[in-house]
Amino acid sequence: MTDSTLVFETPRESGTEIVVNFGVFSGRDATEAEIRRLADELLDTFEAVEIVAEHRYELNREMEAAVHVVRVRLPYASEQTRVTIEEWARDAIDERSVIRP
């Protein structure tokens, strides 16, 4: 079962994009090694993948927010692909999270 707030899918003209709200759940950026690990897992299924790790800033006069997201762009995504990405996110977050309950 996937968590729609941690990982969600958005359609793209050229395929599918799966977005991981990484910073919201971990309090940090995904490391290059973590992104490489995700790529290695996905390359077992896909010929090529595109992974974008980005900071997004939303600002207005009352508030500001900075969010780190990981976007995985694929030609298509199965339920197993979404599960693989969510498991990767949970493993990475559990290994080294700066947010403590």
Protein backbone atom coordinates (compact mmCIF):
# COMPACT_ATOMS: atom_id res chain seq x y z
CA MET A 1 0.00 0.00 0.00
CA THR A 2 1.33 3.44 -0.88
CA ASP A 3 1.17 6.61 1.18
CA SER A 4 -0.29 9.30 -1.11
CA THR A 5 1.43 12.07 0.86
CA LEU A 6 4.93 10.56 0.68
CA VAL A 7 4.81 9.28 -2.90
CA PHE A 8 2.31 10.21 -5.58
CA GLU A 9 2.07 9.87 -9.32
CA THR A 10 1.40 12.59 -11.85
CA PRO A 11 0.86 11.94 -15.55
CA ARG A 12 3.17 13.59 -18.06
CA GLU A 13 2.87 13.94 -21.80
CA SER A 14 5.89 11.67 -22.25
CA GLY A 15 5.12 9.16 -19.50
CA THR A 16 4.76 9.22 -15.74
CA GLU A 17 6.35 11.24 -12.96
CA ILE A 18 6.43 9.89 -9.43
CA VAL A 19 7.03 12.57 -6.83
CA VAL A 20 8.56 11.83 -3.42
CA ASN A 21 8.01 14.46 -0.71
CA PHE A 22 11.39 13.54 0.71
CA GLY A 23 12.18 16.61 2.80
CA VAL A 24 8.77 16.76 4.45
CA PHE A 25 9.28 13.29 5.93
CA SER A 26 13.04 13.36 6.53
CA GLY A 27 13.88 16.99 7.25
CA ARG A 28 16.79 16.79 4.80
CA ASP A 29 17.78 16.36 1.17
CA ALA A 30 18.22 12.96 -0.45
CA THR A 31 21.92 12.23 -0.82
CA GLU A 32 23.61 11.43 -4.10
CA ALA A 33 24.27 7.89 -2.84
CA GLU A 34 20.57 7.43 -2.01
CA ILE A 35 19.56 8.65 -5.45
CA ARG A 36 22.10 6.31 -7.05
CA ARG A 37 20.63 3.42 -5.04
CA LEU A 38 17.15 4.27 -6.31
CA ALA A 39 18.43 4.44 -9.88
CA ASP A 40 20.11 1.05 -9.54
CA GLU A 41 16.84 -0.49 -8.34
CA LEU A 42 14.83 1.06 -11.18
CA LEU A 43 17.37 0.12 -13.86
CA ASP A 44 16.53 -3.53 -13.15
CA THR A 45 13.17 -2.76 -14.83
CA PHE A 46 13.77 0.24 -17.10
CA GLU A 47 16.36 0.90 -19.80
CA ALA A 48 16.76 4.49 -18.56
CA VAL A 49 15.30 6.70 -15.82
CA GLU A 50 15.45 10.39 -15.01
CA ILE A 51 15.66 11.42 -11.37
CA VAL A 52 15.46 15.09 -10.38
CA ALA A 53 16.19 16.19 -6.80
CA GLU A 54 15.05 19.75 -6.29
CA HIS A 55 14.31 22.46 -3.78
CA ARG A 56 11.07 24.29 -4.26
CA TYR A 57 10.38 27.56 -2.48
CA GLU A 58 6.93 28.97 -1.92
CA LEU A 59 6.82 32.48 -0.51
CA ASN A 60 4.29 35.17 0.24
CA ARG A 61 4.10 38.03 2.72
CA GLU A 62 2.77 35.80 5.53
CA MET A 63 4.84 32.65 5.12
CA GLU A 64 7.60 30.86 3.33
CA ALA A 65 8.27 27.20 2.76
CA ALA A 66 11.20 25.29 1.31
CA VAL A 67 10.54 21.74 0.21
CA HIS A 68 12.92 19.10 -1.08
CA VAL A 69 11.32 16.70 -3.54
CA VAL A 70 12.61 13.85 -5.66
CA ARG A 71 10.95 13.42 -9.06
CA VAL A 72 11.29 10.13 -10.90
CA ARG A 73 10.42 10.39 -14.60
CA LEU A 74 9.61 7.13 -16.34
CA PRO A 75 7.97 6.02 -19.59
CA TYR A 76 5.30 4.26 -17.48
CA ALA A 77 4.81 3.14 -13.89
CA SER A 78 3.24 -0.01 -12.51
CA GLU A 79 2.02 -0.51 -8.97
CA GLN A 80 5.28 -2.38 -8.29
CA THR A 81 7.29 0.64 -9.50
CA ARG A 82 5.44 2.90 -7.06
CA VAL A 83 6.00 0.38 -4.26
CA THR A 84 9.73 0.18 -5.09
CA ILE A 85 10.07 3.97 -4.96
CA GLU A 86 8.13 4.25 -1.71
CA GLU A 87 10.19 1.48 -0.10
CA TRP A 88 13.37 3.28 -1.19
CA ALA A 89 12.06 6.53 0.34
CA ARG A 90 11.10 4.88 3.63
CA ASP A 91 14.45 3.08 3.89
CA ALA A 92 16.42 6.27 3.21
CA ILE A 93 14.32 8.27 5.67
CA ASP A 94 14.57 5.60 8.38
CA GLU A 95 18.36 5.37 7.96
CA ARG A 96 19.05 9.05 8.51
CA SER A 97 16.19 11.33 9.42
CA VAL A 98 16.65 14.65 11.18
CA ILE A 99 12.99 14.67 12.20
CA ARG A 100 12.38 12.75 15.40
CA PRO A 101 8.94 11.73 16.71
